[in-house]
């Protein structure tokens, strides 16, 4: 008898990691433009815990709508199990990875099976396993859309103007704050791929790791203030954001840019006086860009660092690990 149910992690209420429940639910049916993916690994990301705690970090008027119970998650790597009749980009048996339906909270990847929009997927790089592939989509595409190519014309919820990446080359110096995290370690490697000189800011425990990824200079923020040590930088990518983000403006040369991944608090008069630009965007699902990133992953030009892995049933422990911070690369759930 074929089975029609699967195991998935769901939220029935908002709260801490303890509200993640391991349930039995129906296997989804792929709709038009979709494929059914048998999930092998799931990358976990900040939006997963924002959803878990009820989006308390967002003003009520901009919180996305969703109803409980809900399966969290957006990143996956797995194998195509079934294909809708109108999909010709993938076939049953293809290994794929993707960032599903983002920005939004119906990716539903904390599960054994997922119905995924084909346009959000790319073929998994043959040279890496499912765990590493699952760690790439959201963090890798965030770095890509901030630094390399935006790839869409949707307005950001944080600013009226369209974000424009700065062309990177050997004449540029880029400072990456939070360089050891998911987005940060991809941003460092993509900037190096383009030839830029990179200054990595993180805690001292990550110095060797970031040097191995190609950082030209390392600053331990627990011992030094980067804004007192660094000047005349062309670009700051701040993956940490928040109220302290504006301190990095003083590291920039006139004409430089700061890209806050989590939008901070900036004074337009101050940025105008310094002659610098502050601009950001919101990452969006993009299978074509993911395929480009996949080629770099396959070639070993860019690699995914894995902080830790947990079984799908242990999603609570994975979220507890995330809450402790100081993550080196990505946390991934494995699906048996």
C-alpha atoms as a PDB file:
ATOM      1  CA  UNK A   1       0.000   0.000   0.000  1.00  0.00           C
ATOM      2  CA  UNK A   2       1.463   3.405  -0.937  1.00  0.00           C
ATOM      3  CA  UNK A   3       1.739   5.830   1.942  1.00  0.00           C
ATOM      4  CA  UNK A   4      -0.046   9.186   1.710  1.00  0.00           C
ATOM      5  CA  UNK A   5       1.395  10.816   4.814  1.00  0.00           C
ATOM      6  CA  UNK A   6       4.794  12.177   5.812  1.00  0.00           C
ATOM      7  CA  UNK A   7       6.538  13.585   8.849  1.00  0.00           C
ATOM      8  CA  UNK A   8       6.916  17.357   9.110  1.00  0.00           C
ATOM      9  CA  UNK A   9       7.733  19.946  11.753  1.00  0.00           C
ATOM     10  CA  UNK A  10       4.845  22.341  12.409  1.00  0.00           C
ATOM     11  CA  UNK A  11       3.991  25.348  14.539  1.00  0.00           C
ATOM     12  CA  UNK A  12       0.609  25.213  16.265  1.00  0.00           C
ATOM     13  CA  UNK A  13       1.393  28.278  18.369  1.00  0.00           C
ATOM     14  CA  UNK A  14       4.104  30.936  18.590  1.00  0.00           C
ATOM     15  CA  UNK A  15       6.928  30.869  21.089  1.00  0.00           C
ATOM     16  CA  UNK A  16      10.425  29.497  21.673  1.00  0.00           C
ATOM     17  CA  UNK A  17      12.021  26.409  20.120  1.00  0.00           C
ATOM     18  CA  UNK A  18       9.792  24.195  22.289  1.00  0.00           C
ATOM     19  CA  UNK A  19       6.723  24.990  20.107  1.00  0.00           C
ATOM     20  CA  UNK A  20       8.188  23.076  17.114  1.00  0.00           C
ATOM     21  CA  UNK A  21       6.187  19.828  16.838  1.00  0.00           C
ATOM     22  CA  UNK A  22       7.029  16.715  14.822  1.00  0.00           C
ATOM     23  CA  UNK A  23       3.718  15.768  13.182  1.00  0.00           C
ATOM     24  CA  UNK A  24       2.261  13.364  10.651  1.00  0.00           C
ATOM     25  CA  UNK A  25       0.601  15.252   7.774  1.00  0.00           C
ATOM     26  CA  UNK A  26      -0.579  14.552   4.211  1.00  0.00           C
ATOM     27  CA  UNK A  27       2.027  14.532   1.436  1.00  0.00           C
ATOM     28  CA  UNK A  28       1.376  17.638  -0.718  1.00  0.00           C
ATOM     29  CA  UNK A  29       0.265  17.396  -4.363  1.00  0.00           C
ATOM     30  CA  UNK A  30       2.292  19.461  -6.857  1.00  0.00           C
ATOM     31  CA  UNK A  31       0.156  22.102  -8.560  1.00  0.00           C
ATOM     32  CA  UNK A  32       0.712  23.774 -11.955  1.00  0.00           C
ATOM     33  CA  UNK A  33       4.349  24.801 -12.401  1.00  0.00           C
ATOM     34  CA  UNK A  34       5.464  22.678  -9.452  1.00  0.00           C
ATOM     35  CA  UNK A  35       7.398  19.511  -8.715  1.00  0.00           C
ATOM     36  CA  UNK A  36       7.195  17.218  -5.706  1.00  0.00           C
ATOM     37  CA  UNK A  37      10.592  16.990  -3.990  1.00  0.00           C
ATOM     38  CA  UNK A  38      11.634  14.211  -1.598  1.00  0.00           C
ATOM     39  CA  UNK A  39      13.608  16.331   0.872  1.00  0.00           C
ATOM     40  CA  UNK A  40      17.087  15.188   1.936  1.00  0.00           C
ATOM     41  CA  UNK A  41      18.239  18.295   3.833  1.00  0.00           C
ATOM     42  CA  UNK A  42      16.837  21.638   4.966  1.00  0.00           C
ATOM     43  CA  UNK A  43      18.802  24.853   5.571  1.00  0.00           C
ATOM     44  CA  UNK A  44      17.556  26.889   8.522  1.00  0.00           C
ATOM     45  CA  UNK A  45      17.459  30.686   8.362  1.00  0.00           C
ATOM     46  CA  UNK A  46      16.454  33.672  10.514  1.00  0.00           C
ATOM     47  CA  UNK A  47      12.956  33.912   8.940  1.00  0.00           C
ATOM     48  CA  UNK A  48      12.270  30.443  10.389  1.00  0.00           C
ATOM     49  CA  UNK A  49      12.587  31.728  13.947  1.00  0.00           C
ATOM     50  CA  UNK A  50      10.850  35.005  13.086  1.00  0.00           C
ATOM     51  CA  UNK A  51       7.868  32.896  11.972  1.00  0.00           C
ATOM     52  CA  UNK A  52       8.149  30.731  15.083  1.00  0.00           C
ATOM     53  CA  UNK A  53       7.919  33.706  17.441  1.00  0.00           C
ATOM     54  CA  UNK A  54       5.090  35.371  15.500  1.00  0.00           C
ATOM     55  CA  UNK A  55       7.098  38.060  13.679  1.00  0.00           C
ATOM     56  CA  UNK A  56       7.485  40.092  16.856  1.00  0.00           C
ATOM     57  CA  UNK A  57      10.490  41.845  15.218  1.00  0.00           C
ATOM     58  CA  UNK A  58       8.241  43.438  12.537  1.00  0.00           C
ATOM     59  CA  UNK A  59       5.688  46.251  12.930  1.00  0.00           C
ATOM     60  CA  UNK A  60       2.162  44.726  12.880  1.00  0.00           C
ATOM     61  CA  UNK A  61       1.192  46.489   9.633  1.00  0.00           C
ATOM     62  CA  UNK A  62       3.993  44.855   7.605  1.00  0.00           C
ATOM     63  CA  UNK A  63       3.754  41.342   9.072  1.00  0.00           C
ATOM     64  CA  UNK A  64       2.976  38.783   6.362  1.00  0.00           C
ATOM     65  CA  UNK A  65      -0.306  36.931   6.701  1.00  0.00           C
ATOM     66  CA  UNK A  66      -0.247  33.221   7.547  1.00  0.00           C
ATOM     67  CA  UNK A  67      -2.391  30.824   9.528  1.00  0.00           C
ATOM     68  CA  UNK A  68      -1.508  28.097  12.018  1.00  0.00           C
ATOM     69  CA  UNK A  69      -0.597  25.289  11.960  1.00  0.00           C
ATOM     70  CA  UNK A  70       2.250  26.038   9.553  1.00  0.00           C
ATOM     71  CA  UNK A  71       5.333  24.147   8.370  1.00  0.00           C
ATOM     72  CA  UNK A  72       8.338  26.522   8.521  1.00  0.00           C
ATOM     73  CA  UNK A  73      11.346  26.589   6.212  1.00  0.00           C
ATOM     74  CA  UNK A  74      12.386  27.861   2.786  1.00  0.00           C
ATOM     75  CA  UNK A  75      15.699  26.097   1.901  1.00  0.00           C
ATOM     76  CA  UNK A  76      15.972  22.520   0.705  1.00  0.00           C
ATOM     77  CA  UNK A  77      17.985  19.994  -1.230  1.00  0.00           C
ATOM     78  CA  UNK A  78      16.402  16.775  -2.455  1.00  0.00           C
ATOM     79  CA  UNK A  79      15.262  14.611  -5.339  1.00  0.00           C
ATOM     80  CA  UNK A  80      12.337  15.230  -7.712  1.00  0.00           C
ATOM     81  CA  UNK A  81       9.648  12.617  -7.074  1.00  0.00           C
ATOM     82  CA  UNK A  82       6.866  13.868  -9.385  1.00  0.00           C
ATOM     83  CA  UNK A  83       6.441  16.642 -11.959  1.00  0.00           C
ATOM     84  CA  UNK A  84       3.341  18.637 -12.925  1.00  0.00           C
ATOM     85  CA  UNK A  85       2.351  18.213 -16.615  1.00  0.00           C
ATOM     86  CA  UNK A  86       3.336  21.807 -17.487  1.00  0.00           C
ATOM     87  CA  UNK A  87       6.905  21.507 -16.095  1.00  0.00           C
ATOM     88  CA  UNK A  88       9.663  20.554 -18.531  1.00  0.00           C
ATOM     89  CA  UNK A  89      12.738  21.965 -16.730  1.00  0.00           C
ATOM     90  CA  UNK A  90      13.036  18.974 -14.355  1.00  0.00           C
ATOM     91  CA  UNK A  91      12.449  15.241 -14.476  1.00  0.00           C
ATOM     92  CA  UNK A  92      11.770  12.575 -11.866  1.00  0.00           C
ATOM     93  CA  UNK A  93      15.093  11.629 -10.264  1.00  0.00           C
ATOM     94  CA  UNK A  94      16.767  15.035 -10.681  1.00  0.00           C
ATOM     95  CA  UNK A  95      18.672  16.271  -7.637  1.00  0.00           C
ATOM     96  CA  UNK A  96      17.627  19.863  -6.944  1.00  0.00           C
ATOM     97  CA  UNK A  97      18.072  22.644  -4.394  1.00  0.00           C
ATOM     98  CA  UNK A  98      16.163  25.858  -3.868  1.00  0.00           C
ATOM     99  CA  UNK A  99      14.787  28.779  -1.867  1.00  0.00           C
ATOM    100  CA  UNK A 100      11.002  28.352  -1.970  1.00  0.00           C
ATOM    101  CA  UNK A 101       8.393  31.111  -2.270  1.00  0.00           C
ATOM    102  CA  UNK A 102      10.437  33.829  -0.580  1.00  0.00           C
ATOM    103  CA  UNK A 103       9.684  36.499   0.542  1.00  0.00           C
ATOM    104  CA  UNK A 104       6.821  34.620   2.163  1.00  0.00           C
ATOM    105  CA  UNK A 105       6.282  31.942   4.734  1.00  0.00           C
ATOM    106  CA  UNK A 106       4.758  29.068   2.798  1.00  0.00           C
ATOM    107  CA  UNK A 107       7.976  27.352   1.694  1.00  0.00           C
ATOM    108  CA  UNK A 108       7.136  24.476   4.083  1.00  0.00           C
ATOM    109  CA  UNK A 109      10.520  22.759   3.788  1.00  0.00           C
ATOM    110  CA  UNK A 110      10.737  21.277   7.326  1.00  0.00           C
ATOM    111  CA  UNK A 111       9.163  18.118   5.887  1.00  0.00           C
ATOM    112  CA  UNK A 112       9.878  14.836   4.108  1.00  0.00           C
ATOM    113  CA  UNK A 113       8.175  16.062   0.905  1.00  0.00           C
ATOM    114  CA  UNK A 114       7.569  19.540  -0.517  1.00  0.00           C
ATOM    115  CA  UNK A 115       5.603  20.821  -3.502  1.00  0.00           C
ATOM    116  CA  UNK A 116       8.062  23.338  -4.960  1.00  0.00           C
ATOM    117  CA  UNK A 117       7.698  25.928  -7.738  1.00  0.00           C
ATOM    118  CA  UNK A 118      10.021  24.740 -10.516  1.00  0.00           C
ATOM    119  CA  UNK A 119      11.164  28.339 -11.069  1.00  0.00           C
ATOM    120  CA  UNK A 120      12.586  28.439  -7.518  1.00  0.00           C
ATOM    121  CA  UNK A 121      14.800  25.377  -8.068  1.00  0.00           C
ATOM    122  CA  UNK A 122      18.120  24.604  -9.725  1.00  0.00           C
ATOM    123  CA  UNK A 123      19.954  21.348 -10.303  1.00  0.00           C
ATOM    124  CA  UNK A 124      22.015  20.506  -7.225  1.00  0.00           C
ATOM    125  CA  UNK A 125      25.755  20.831  -7.920  1.00  0.00           C
ATOM    126  CA  UNK A 126      27.027  17.293  -8.440  1.00  0.00           C
ATOM    127  CA  UNK A 127      30.207  18.022  -6.489  1.00  0.00           C
ATOM    128  CA  UNK A 128      28.511  18.713  -3.142  1.00  0.00           C
ATOM    129  CA  UNK A 129      26.150  16.665  -0.980  1.00  0.00           C
ATOM    130  CA  UNK A 130      22.566  17.503  -0.002  1.00  0.00           C
ATOM    131  CA  UNK A 131      23.598  18.922   3.383  1.00  0.00           C
ATOM    132  CA  UNK A 132      25.910  21.505   1.818  1.00  0.00           C
ATOM    133  CA  UNK A 133      23.455  22.254  -1.008  1.00  0.00           C
ATOM    134  CA  UNK A 134      20.652  22.888   1.512  1.00  0.00           C
ATOM    135  CA  UNK A 135      22.823  25.462   3.279  1.00  0.00           C
ATOM    136  CA  UNK A 136      23.268  27.554   0.145  1.00  0.00           C
ATOM    137  CA  UNK A 137      19.954  28.955  -1.186  1.00  0.00           C
ATOM    138  CA  UNK A 138      18.803  31.809   1.060  1.00  0.00           C
ATOM    139  CA  UNK A 139      22.236  32.871   2.339  1.00  0.00           C
ATOM    140  CA  UNK A 140      23.901  32.489  -1.060  1.00  0.00           C
ATOM    141  CA  UNK A 141      21.146  34.304  -2.953  1.00  0.00           C
ATOM    142  CA  UNK A 142      21.124  37.109  -0.376  1.00  0.00           C
ATOM    143  CA  UNK A 143      24.847  37.694  -0.946  1.00  0.00           C
ATOM    144  CA  UNK A 144      24.346  37.359  -4.718  1.00  0.00           C
ATOM    145  CA  UNK A 145      21.451  39.840  -4.940  1.00  0.00           C
ATOM    146  CA  UNK A 146      23.184  42.387  -2.706  1.00  0.00           C
ATOM    147  CA  UNK A 147      26.624  42.144  -4.363  1.00  0.00           C
ATOM    148  CA  UNK A 148      26.418  40.624  -7.852  1.00  0.00           C
ATOM    149  CA  UNK A 149      23.017  40.987  -9.538  1.00  0.00           C
ATOM    150  CA  UNK A 150      19.645  41.975  -8.082  1.00  0.00           C
ATOM    151  CA  UNK A 151      17.766  39.911 -10.666  1.00  0.00           C
ATOM    152  CA  UNK A 152      14.275  41.359 -10.067  1.00  0.00           C
ATOM    153  CA  UNK A 153      12.417  44.650 -10.096  1.00  0.00           C
ATOM    154  CA  UNK A 154      10.332  44.248  -6.934  1.00  0.00           C
ATOM    155  CA  UNK A 155      10.541  47.231  -4.568  1.00  0.00           C
ATOM    156  CA  UNK A 156      12.141  46.640  -1.191  1.00  0.00           C
ATOM    157  CA  UNK A 157       9.839  47.011   1.826  1.00  0.00           C
ATOM    158  CA  UNK A 158      12.652  49.031   3.443  1.00  0.00           C
ATOM    159  CA  UNK A 159      13.290  51.722   0.816  1.00  0.00           C
ATOM    160  CA  UNK A 160      11.635  53.303  -2.213  1.00  0.00           C
ATOM    161  CA  UNK A 161      14.652  53.258  -4.545  1.00  0.00           C
ATOM    162  CA  UNK A 162      15.787  50.120  -6.362  1.00  0.00           C
ATOM    163  CA  UNK A 163      18.913  48.508  -4.909  1.00  0.00           C
ATOM    164  CA  UNK A 164      21.914  48.572  -7.257  1.00  0.00           C
ATOM    165  CA  UNK A 165      24.911  46.306  -6.604  1.00  0.00           C
ATOM    166  CA  UNK A 166      28.306  48.018  -6.939  1.00  0.00           C
ATOM    167  CA  UNK A 167      30.528  46.441  -9.625  1.00  0.00           C
ATOM    168  CA  UNK A 168      33.360  44.701  -7.759  1.00  0.00           C
ATOM    169  CA  UNK A 169      36.922  44.403  -9.045  1.00  0.00           C
ATOM    170  CA  UNK A 170      40.554  44.363  -7.926  1.00  0.00           C
ATOM    171  CA  UNK A 171      40.481  48.100  -7.177  1.00  0.00           C
ATOM    172  CA  UNK A 172      37.767  47.702  -4.537  1.00  0.00           C
ATOM    173  CA  UNK A 173      37.976  47.108  -0.805  1.00  0.00           C
ATOM    174  CA  UNK A 174      34.935  45.458   0.786  1.00  0.00           C
ATOM    175  CA  UNK A 175      34.298  45.167   4.524  1.00  0.00           C
ATOM    176  CA  UNK A 176      31.970  42.325   5.552  1.00  0.00           C
ATOM    177  CA  UNK A 177      30.530  42.591   9.066  1.00  0.00           C
ATOM    178  CA  UNK A 178      29.338  39.278  10.467  1.00  0.00           C
ATOM    179  CA  UNK A 179      31.589  37.535   7.963  1.00  0.00           C
ATOM    180  CA  UNK A 180      31.422  34.082   9.565  1.00  0.00           C
ATOM    181  CA  UNK A 181      27.647  33.695   9.339  1.00  0.00           C
ATOM    182  CA  UNK A 182      25.549  32.318   6.509  1.00  0.00           C
ATOM    183  CA  UNK A 183      25.304  35.441   4.325  1.00  0.00           C
ATOM    184  CA  UNK A 184      28.672  36.773   5.476  1.00  0.00           C
ATOM    185  CA  UNK A 185      30.768  33.794   4.440  1.00  0.00           C
ATOM    186  CA  UNK A 186      29.129  33.755   0.991  1.00  0.00           C
ATOM    187  CA  UNK A 187      29.621  37.518   0.591  1.00  0.00           C
ATOM    188  CA  UNK A 188      33.314  37.234   1.446  1.00  0.00           C
ATOM    189  CA  UNK A 189      33.817  34.502  -1.163  1.00  0.00           C
ATOM    190  CA  UNK A 190      31.806  36.251  -3.897  1.00  0.00           C
ATOM    191  CA  UNK A 191      33.740  39.487  -3.355  1.00  0.00           C
ATOM    192  CA  UNK A 192      37.023  37.539  -3.611  1.00  0.00           C
ATOM    193  CA  UNK A 193      35.739  35.820  -6.788  1.00  0.00           C
ATOM    194  CA  UNK A 194      35.321  39.307  -8.291  1.00  0.00           C
ATOM    195  CA  UNK A 195      38.874  40.217  -7.250  1.00  0.00           C
ATOM    196  CA  UNK A 196      38.114  42.617  -4.404  1.00  0.00           C
ATOM    197  CA  UNK A 197      40.190  42.992  -1.244  1.00  0.00           C
ATOM    198  CA  UNK A 198      38.070  41.845   1.719  1.00  0.00           C
ATOM    199  CA  UNK A 199      38.194  42.869   5.382  1.00  0.00           C
ATOM    200  CA  UNK A 200      36.284  40.363   7.528  1.00  0.00           C
ATOM    201  CA  UNK A 201      34.758  41.399  10.869  1.00  0.00           C
ATOM    202  CA  UNK A 202      33.765  38.640  13.320  1.00  0.00           C
ATOM    203  CA  UNK A 203      34.695  37.310  16.752  1.00  0.00           C
ATOM    204  CA  UNK A 204      38.192  35.905  17.236  1.00  0.00           C
ATOM    205  CA  UNK A 205      37.040  32.265  17.140  1.00  0.00           C
ATOM    206  CA  UNK A 206      36.410  32.642  13.395  1.00  0.00           C
ATOM    207  CA  UNK A 207      39.761  34.133  12.335  1.00  0.00           C
ATOM    208  CA  UNK A 208      41.315  30.945  10.907  1.00  0.00           C
ATOM    209  CA  UNK A 209      38.059  29.981   9.149  1.00  0.00           C
ATOM    210  CA  UNK A 210      37.750  33.384   7.454  1.00  0.00           C
ATOM    211  CA  UNK A 211      41.423  33.454   6.462  1.00  0.00           C
ATOM    212  CA  UNK A 212      40.919  30.073   4.793  1.00  0.00           C
ATOM    213  CA  UNK A 213      37.989  31.546   2.834  1.00  0.00           C
ATOM    214  CA  UNK A 214      40.301  34.271   1.527  1.00  0.00           C
ATOM    215  CA  UNK A 215      39.896  37.251   3.857  1.00  0.00           C
ATOM    216  CA  UNK A 216      42.771  39.709   3.355  1.00  0.00           C
ATOM    217  CA  UNK A 217      42.381  41.273   6.784  1.00  0.00           C
ATOM    218  CA  UNK A 218      40.543  40.185   9.933  1.00  0.00           C
ATOM    219  CA  UNK A 219      39.137  42.340  12.733  1.00  0.00           C
ATOM    220  CA  UNK A 220      37.973  40.798  16.011  1.00  0.00           C
ATOM    221  CA  UNK A 221      35.080  43.057  17.010  1.00  0.00           C
ATOM    222  CA  UNK A 222      35.330  41.868  20.629  1.00  0.00           C
ATOM    223  CA  UNK A 223      38.769  43.502  20.873  1.00  0.00           C
ATOM    224  CA  UNK A 224      38.667  46.418  18.401  1.00  0.00           C
ATOM    225  CA  UNK A 225      36.171  48.822  16.891  1.00  0.00           C
ATOM    226  CA  UNK A 226      36.333  48.467  13.098  1.00  0.00           C
ATOM    227  CA  UNK A 227      35.309  52.094  12.557  1.00  0.00           C
ATOM    228  CA  UNK A 228      38.427  53.193  14.424  1.00  0.00           C
ATOM    229  CA  UNK A 229      40.779  50.922  12.439  1.00  0.00           C
ATOM    230  CA  UNK A 230      39.450  51.057   8.883  1.00  0.00           C
ATOM    231  CA  UNK A 231      38.985  53.988   6.499  1.00  0.00           C
ATOM    232  CA  UNK A 232      38.495  54.564   2.767  1.00  0.00           C
ATOM    233  CA  UNK A 233      36.550  51.346   2.172  1.00  0.00           C
ATOM    234  CA  UNK A 234      34.507  51.213  -1.052  1.00  0.00           C
ATOM    235  CA  UNK A 235      31.715  48.999   0.246  1.00  0.00           C
ATOM    236  CA  UNK A 236      30.441  47.712   3.591  1.00  0.00           C
ATOM    237  CA  UNK A 237      28.135  44.702   3.607  1.00  0.00           C
ATOM    238  CA  UNK A 238      26.677  44.543   7.123  1.00  0.00           C
ATOM    239  CA  UNK A 239      24.932  41.231   7.753  1.00  0.00           C
ATOM    240  CA  UNK A 240      24.215  42.185  11.380  1.00  0.00           C
ATOM    241  CA  UNK A 241      22.361  45.492  10.911  1.00  0.00           C
ATOM    242  CA  UNK A 242      20.331  47.135  13.639  1.00  0.00           C
ATOM    243  CA  UNK A 243      20.966  50.417  15.478  1.00  0.00           C
ATOM    244  CA  UNK A 244      24.779  49.997  15.478  1.00  0.00           C
ATOM    245  CA  UNK A 245      25.012  49.609  11.711  1.00  0.00           C
ATOM    246  CA  UNK A 246      25.522  53.329  11.112  1.00  0.00           C
ATOM    247  CA  UNK A 247      28.930  53.243  12.841  1.00  0.00           C
ATOM    248  CA  UNK A 248      30.326  51.607   9.669  1.00  0.00           C
ATOM    249  CA  UNK A 249      29.522  54.728   7.609  1.00  0.00           C
ATOM    250  CA  UNK A 250      32.761  56.256   8.896  1.00  0.00           C
ATOM    251  CA  UNK A 251      34.825  53.447   7.392  1.00  0.00           C
ATOM    252  CA  UNK A 252      33.678  54.450   3.880  1.00  0.00           C
ATOM    253  CA  UNK A 253      35.386  56.755   1.412  1.00  0.00           C
ATOM    254  CA  UNK A 254      33.315  59.497  -0.217  1.00  0.00           C
ATOM    255  CA  UNK A 255      31.234  57.843  -2.921  1.00  0.00           C
ATOM    256  CA  UNK A 256      31.238  54.551  -1.002  1.00  0.00           C
ATOM    257  CA  UNK A 257      28.207  52.429  -0.190  1.00  0.00           C
ATOM    258  CA  UNK A 258      26.851  50.522   2.779  1.00  0.00           C
ATOM    259  CA  UNK A 259      24.510  47.568   2.252  1.00  0.00           C
ATOM    260  CA  UNK A 260      22.701  46.569   5.478  1.00  0.00           C
ATOM    261  CA  UNK A 261      21.178  43.090   5.130  1.00  0.00           C
ATOM    262  CA  UNK A 262      18.936  43.728   8.158  1.00  0.00           C
ATOM    263  CA  UNK A 263      18.043  47.367   7.715  1.00  0.00           C
ATOM    264  CA  UNK A 264      19.480  49.595  10.430  1.00  0.00           C
ATOM    265  CA  UNK A 265      18.789  53.161  11.490  1.00  0.00           C
ATOM    266  CA  UNK A 266      20.437  55.803   9.319  1.00  0.00           C
ATOM    267  CA  UNK A 267      20.250  59.591   9.190  1.00  0.00           C
ATOM    268  CA  UNK A 268      19.840  60.946   5.654  1.00  0.00           C
ATOM    269  CA  UNK A 269      21.605  64.191   6.576  1.00  0.00           C
ATOM    270  CA  UNK A 270      24.606  62.264   7.917  1.00  0.00           C
ATOM    271  CA  UNK A 271      24.894  60.053   4.823  1.00  0.00           C
ATOM    272  CA  UNK A 272      24.603  63.110   2.554  1.00  0.00           C
ATOM    273  CA  UNK A 273      27.286  64.949   4.539  1.00  0.00           C
ATOM    274  CA  UNK A 274      29.633  61.941   4.321  1.00  0.00           C
ATOM    275  CA  UNK A 275      28.911  61.565   0.604  1.00  0.00           C
ATOM    276  CA  UNK A 276      27.949  57.887   0.924  1.00  0.00           C
ATOM    277  CA  UNK A 277      24.983  55.737  -0.080  1.00  0.00           C
ATOM    278  CA  UNK A 278      22.981  53.320   2.062  1.00  0.00           C
ATOM    279  CA  UNK A 279      20.890  50.818   0.136  1.00  0.00           C
ATOM    280  CA  UNK A 280      19.410  47.384   0.650  1.00  0.00           C
ATOM    281  CA  UNK A 281      16.991  44.861  -0.757  1.00  0.00           C
ATOM    282  CA  UNK A 282      15.060  41.772   0.259  1.00  0.00           C
ATOM    283  CA  UNK A 283      16.197  38.426  -1.086  1.00  0.00           C
ATOM    284  CA  UNK A 284      13.784  36.714  -3.484  1.00  0.00           C
ATOM    285  CA  UNK A 285      13.597  33.155  -4.787  1.00  0.00           C
ATOM    286  CA  UNK A 286      15.418  32.827  -8.130  1.00  0.00           C
ATOM    287  CA  UNK A 287      16.247  29.461  -9.673  1.00  0.00           C
ATOM    288  CA  UNK A 288      18.322  30.962 -12.504  1.00  0.00           C
ATOM    289  CA  UNK A 289      20.635  32.807 -10.089  1.00  0.00           C
ATOM    290  CA  UNK A 290      20.864  29.706  -7.935  1.00  0.00           C
ATOM    291  CA  UNK A 291      22.048  27.775 -10.989  1.00  0.00           C
ATOM    292  CA  UNK A 292      24.835  30.352 -11.453  1.00  0.00           C
ATOM    293  CA  UNK A 293      25.808  30.043  -7.795  1.00  0.00           C
ATOM    294  CA  UNK A 294      25.648  26.271  -8.217  1.00  0.00           C
ATOM    295  CA  UNK A 295      28.333  26.411 -10.906  1.00  0.00           C
ATOM    296  CA  UNK A 296      30.654  28.226  -8.479  1.00  0.00           C
ATOM    297  CA  UNK A 297      29.881  25.633  -5.791  1.00  0.00           C
ATOM    298  CA  UNK A 298      30.572  22.797  -8.223  1.00  0.00           C
ATOM    299  CA  UNK A 299      33.904  24.337  -9.227  1.00  0.00           C
ATOM    300  CA  UNK A 300      34.927  24.836  -5.586  1.00  0.00           C
ATOM    301  CA  UNK A 301      35.202  28.604  -6.161  1.00  0.00           C
ATOM    302  CA  UNK A 302      32.644  29.084  -3.387  1.00  0.00           C
ATOM    303  CA  UNK A 303      31.980  26.618  -0.598  1.00  0.00           C
ATOM    304  CA  UNK A 304      29.277  26.194   2.014  1.00  0.00           C
ATOM    305  CA  UNK A 305      30.469  25.951   5.615  1.00  0.00           C
ATOM    306  CA  UNK A 306      28.310  23.788   7.880  1.00  0.00           C
ATOM    307  CA  UNK A 307      28.111  24.846  11.511  1.00  0.00           C
ATOM    308  CA  UNK A 308      26.099  21.816  12.636  1.00  0.00           C
ATOM    309  CA  UNK A 309      23.448  19.316  11.511  1.00  0.00           C
ATOM    310  CA  UNK A 310      20.369  17.978  13.291  1.00  0.00           C
ATOM    311  CA  UNK A 311      17.748  15.404  12.321  1.00  0.00           C
ATOM    312  CA  UNK A 312      14.406  16.857  11.190  1.00  0.00           C
ATOM    313  CA  UNK A 313      12.805  15.494  14.372  1.00  0.00           C
ATOM    314  CA  UNK A 314      15.349  17.544  16.353  1.00  0.00           C
ATOM    315  CA  UNK A 315      14.413  20.922  14.830  1.00  0.00           C
ATOM    316  CA  UNK A 316      13.974  22.283  18.359  1.00  0.00           C
ATOM    317  CA  UNK A 317      17.655  21.587  19.118  1.00  0.00           C
ATOM    318  CA  UNK A 318      18.651  23.261  15.827  1.00  0.00           C
ATOM    319  CA  UNK A 319      16.720  26.397  16.790  1.00  0.00           C
ATOM    320  CA  UNK A 320      18.314  26.315  20.247  1.00  0.00           C
ATOM    321  CA  UNK A 321      21.734  26.177  18.552  1.00  0.00           C
ATOM    322  CA  UNK A 322      20.797  29.177  16.385  1.00  0.00           C
ATOM    323  CA  UNK A 323      19.701  31.138  19.461  1.00  0.00           C
ATOM    324  CA  UNK A 324      23.151  30.724  21.017  1.00  0.00           C
ATOM    325  CA  UNK A 325      24.647  32.691  18.101  1.00  0.00           C
ATOM    326  CA  UNK A 326      28.264  32.797  16.859  1.00  0.00           C
ATOM    327  CA  UNK A 327      27.291  30.482  13.992  1.00  0.00           C
ATOM    328  CA  UNK A 328      30.037  29.506  11.534  1.00  0.00           C
ATOM    329  CA  UNK A 329      28.289  29.000   8.210  1.00  0.00           C
ATOM    330  CA  UNK A 330      24.941  27.219   8.193  1.00  0.00           C
ATOM    331  CA  UNK A 331      22.806  24.990  10.416  1.00  0.00           C
ATOM    332  CA  UNK A 332      21.115  22.181   8.460  1.00  0.00           C
ATOM    333  CA  UNK A 333      18.376  19.657   9.206  1.00  0.00           C
ATOM    334  CA  UNK A 334      18.828  16.174   7.705  1.00  0.00           C
ATOM    335  CA  UNK A 335      15.840  14.148   6.545  1.00  0.00           C
ATOM    336  CA  UNK A 336      16.171  10.360   6.693  1.00  0.00           C
END
